Amino acid sequence: MKYKSLLVLLVAAFALIVVATQNVSAFAQINQVQINDIDVLGNSIDLANLAGERVKLTVRFDAIADAQDVRLKAWIAGESENAVVSDRLDVIANRTYVRTVFLTIPSGLRENLNESRTLEVLVESRSDGIGDQRSIDFTVQRESYVLQVLNVNFESQVKAGEQFGV
């Protein structure tokens, strides 16, 4: 009997979660995402972006309903401290909006640079939540023949006139 009660409770909780996620406000729909003027939404284009490069990110979205304090937000998955956001604006239903931000691809990425990364793009409102969100795969590589010092180790205390190793 305990197992049936537990099962009913779990099914009810799952149903509540499904209903709650379906009632999320969808005041906007992203129709186009461009990186450096190349369409990347829905295409199988494998853009190679260089670490440290600043890329132009343009997003076109349709307002399905009126919403206030709407902004575009973008970041590379796992690198949310480098998120960029557009200025806020109020949107009016049945109009198309275009927002552009410039995202700098972190130069200090630690993982394998040849693997695919995910760019997260969303349109959100302060009062209405997330209007739409998209994930776009891309790759990152370093420029050839560029020396970049990533870390320096040395003793923190030195004596005048003595040599120290770096």
Protein backbone atom coordinates (compact mmCIF):
# COMPACT_ATOMS: atom_id res chain seq x y z
CA MET A 1 0.00 0.00 0.00
CA LYS A 2 2.90 2.33 0.79
CA TYR A 3 4.33 1.77 -2.68
CA LYS A 4 1.04 2.73 -4.36
CA SER A 5 0.85 5.93 -2.31
CA LEU A 6 4.44 6.77 -3.18
CA LEU A 7 3.82 6.06 -6.86
CA VAL A 8 0.72 8.28 -6.88
CA LEU A 9 2.70 11.05 -5.19
CA LEU A 10 5.53 10.80 -7.75
CA VAL A 11 3.11 10.79 -10.71
CA ALA A 12 1.30 13.82 -9.27
CA ALA A 13 4.59 15.69 -8.77
CA PHE A 14 5.69 14.88 -12.33
CA ALA A 15 2.35 16.06 -13.73
CA LEU A 16 2.62 19.30 -11.76
CA ILE A 17 6.11 19.93 -13.15
CA VAL A 18 4.95 19.28 -16.73
CA VAL A 19 1.97 21.63 -16.34
CA ALA A 20 4.14 24.32 -14.72
CA THR A 21 6.69 24.27 -17.53
CA GLN A 22 3.98 24.49 -20.18
CA ASN A 23 2.53 27.61 -18.59
CA VAL A 24 5.80 29.54 -18.84
CA SER A 25 5.28 32.88 -20.56
CA ALA A 26 6.38 32.73 -24.17
CA PHE A 27 6.19 36.39 -25.14
CA ALA A 28 8.85 36.06 -27.86
CA GLN A 29 10.08 33.67 -30.52
CA ILE A 30 13.66 33.73 -31.79
CA ASN A 31 13.66 33.46 -35.59
CA GLN A 32 17.23 34.18 -36.58
CA VAL A 33 20.66 34.06 -34.95
CA GLN A 34 23.75 35.31 -36.77
CA ILE A 35 27.38 35.11 -35.72
CA ASN A 36 29.49 37.58 -37.69
CA ASP A 37 26.60 37.94 -40.20
CA ILE A 38 26.34 34.18 -40.87
CA ASP A 39 23.02 32.46 -40.09
CA VAL A 40 23.60 29.73 -37.52
CA LEU A 41 20.10 28.87 -36.33
CA GLY A 42 18.86 25.57 -37.75
CA ASN A 43 21.89 25.16 -40.01
CA SER A 44 24.69 22.64 -39.74
CA ILE A 45 27.38 25.29 -40.22
CA ASP A 46 30.48 24.56 -38.14
CA LEU A 47 31.93 28.00 -37.48
CA ALA A 48 35.50 28.07 -36.23
CA ASN A 49 35.96 31.01 -33.89
CA LEU A 50 39.31 31.94 -32.46
CA ALA A 51 39.87 32.12 -28.72
CA GLY A 52 40.00 35.76 -27.64
CA GLU A 53 38.06 36.90 -30.71
CA ARG A 54 35.15 39.32 -30.39
CA VAL A 55 32.18 38.11 -32.42
CA LYS A 56 29.09 40.01 -33.48
CA LEU A 57 25.92 38.22 -32.38
CA THR A 58 22.66 39.40 -33.95
CA VAL A 59 19.30 37.94 -32.90
CA ARG A 60 15.94 38.58 -34.58
CA PHE A 61 12.82 37.73 -32.60
CA ASP A 62 9.08 38.27 -32.92
CA ALA A 63 7.09 39.56 -29.98
CA ILE A 64 4.09 37.28 -29.48
CA ALA A 65 2.77 39.34 -26.56
CA ASP A 66 3.55 42.69 -24.96
CA ALA A 67 6.38 42.53 -22.44
CA GLN A 68 8.42 45.02 -20.48
CA ASP A 69 12.11 45.21 -19.69
CA VAL A 70 13.09 42.69 -22.37
CA ARG A 71 16.74 41.99 -23.12
CA LEU A 72 18.89 39.60 -25.11
CA LYS A 73 21.39 37.54 -23.11
CA ALA A 74 24.13 35.30 -24.52
CA TRP A 75 26.94 33.22 -23.07
CA ILE A 76 29.06 30.18 -23.79
CA ALA A 77 27.91 27.18 -21.75
CA GLY A 78 30.22 26.75 -18.79
CA GLU A 79 31.50 30.31 -19.16
CA SER A 80 28.52 32.23 -17.78
CA GLU A 81 30.77 34.84 -16.13
CA ASN A 82 31.40 36.13 -19.68
CA ALA A 83 27.70 36.64 -20.45
CA VAL A 84 26.72 39.67 -22.51
CA VAL A 85 23.36 41.40 -22.37
CA SER A 86 21.66 44.01 -24.50
CA ASP A 87 19.92 47.11 -23.23
CA ARG A 88 16.38 46.56 -21.97
CA LEU A 89 13.36 47.57 -24.03
CA ASP A 90 9.60 47.16 -23.99
CA VAL A 91 8.22 45.00 -26.80
CA ILE A 92 4.82 45.19 -28.45
CA ALA A 93 3.01 42.09 -29.74
CA ASN A 94 3.21 41.28 -33.47
CA ARG A 95 6.39 43.27 -34.06
CA THR A 96 9.87 42.06 -34.99
CA TYR A 97 12.92 43.15 -33.03
CA VAL A 98 16.63 42.85 -33.75
CA ARG A 99 19.25 43.06 -31.01
CA THR A 100 23.03 42.96 -31.47
CA VAL A 101 25.66 42.25 -28.83
CA PHE A 102 29.39 41.57 -29.03
CA LEU A 103 30.60 38.42 -27.31
CA THR A 104 34.28 37.88 -26.57
CA ILE A 105 35.26 34.24 -26.78
CA PRO A 106 37.40 33.56 -23.69
CA SER A 107 41.08 33.13 -24.49
CA GLY A 108 41.77 31.07 -21.38
CA LEU A 109 39.54 28.10 -22.19
CA ARG A 110 41.08 25.11 -20.44
CA GLU A 111 39.37 22.19 -22.15
CA ASN A 112 40.17 20.69 -25.52
CA LEU A 113 39.85 23.53 -28.01
CA ASN A 114 38.82 21.23 -30.87
CA GLU A 115 35.62 20.05 -29.24
CA SER A 116 32.26 21.64 -29.89
CA ARG A 117 31.00 24.38 -27.57
CA THR A 118 27.47 25.63 -27.02
CA LEU A 119 26.37 29.24 -27.30
CA GLU A 120 23.27 29.90 -25.21
CA VAL A 121 21.01 32.71 -26.44
CA LEU A 122 17.83 33.84 -24.74
CA VAL A 123 15.30 36.62 -24.79
CA GLU A 124 14.07 37.38 -21.29
CA SER A 125 11.90 39.85 -19.47
CA ARG A 126 12.30 40.99 -15.90
CA SER A 127 8.60 40.39 -15.19
CA ASP A 128 7.63 37.69 -17.75
CA GLY A 129 10.65 35.38 -17.51
CA ILE A 130 12.21 33.67 -20.53
CA GLY A 131 10.46 34.32 -23.83
CA ASP A 132 12.60 31.96 -25.93
CA GLN A 133 15.98 30.27 -25.68
CA ARG A 134 18.25 28.64 -28.26
CA SER A 135 21.48 26.64 -28.08
CA ILE A 136 23.98 26.84 -30.94
CA ASP A 137 27.01 24.57 -31.37
CA PHE A 138 30.32 26.02 -32.53
CA THR A 139 34.03 25.31 -32.19
CA VAL A 140 36.95 27.32 -30.83
CA GLN A 141 40.59 27.21 -31.82
CA ARG A 142 43.69 29.22 -31.03
CA GLU A 143 45.56 31.23 -33.62
CA SER A 144 48.66 29.55 -34.97
CA TYR A 145 52.06 30.92 -34.03
CA VAL A 146 50.80 33.27 -31.34
CA LEU A 147 52.56 33.10 -28.00
CA GLN A 148 50.33 33.82 -25.07
CA VAL A 149 51.54 33.60 -21.48
CA LEU A 150 48.78 31.94 -19.48
CA ASN A 151 50.53 31.45 -16.15
CA VAL A 152 53.81 32.42 -14.43
CA ASN A 153 55.17 30.66 -11.33
CA PHE A 154 57.91 32.09 -9.13
CA GLU A 155 58.83 32.57 -5.48
CA SER A 156 56.82 35.35 -3.87
CA GLN A 157 59.78 36.56 -1.77
CA VAL A 158 63.15 37.54 -3.19
CA LYS A 159 66.24 39.18 -1.74
CA ALA A 160 67.90 42.17 -3.31
CA GLY A 161 70.87 41.22 -5.49
CA GLU A 162 69.91 37.51 -5.74
CA GLN A 163 68.58 35.71 -8.78
CA PHE A 164 65.25 33.95 -8.76
CA GLY A 165 63.71 31.44 -11.15
CA VAL A 166 60.56 32.09 -13.14
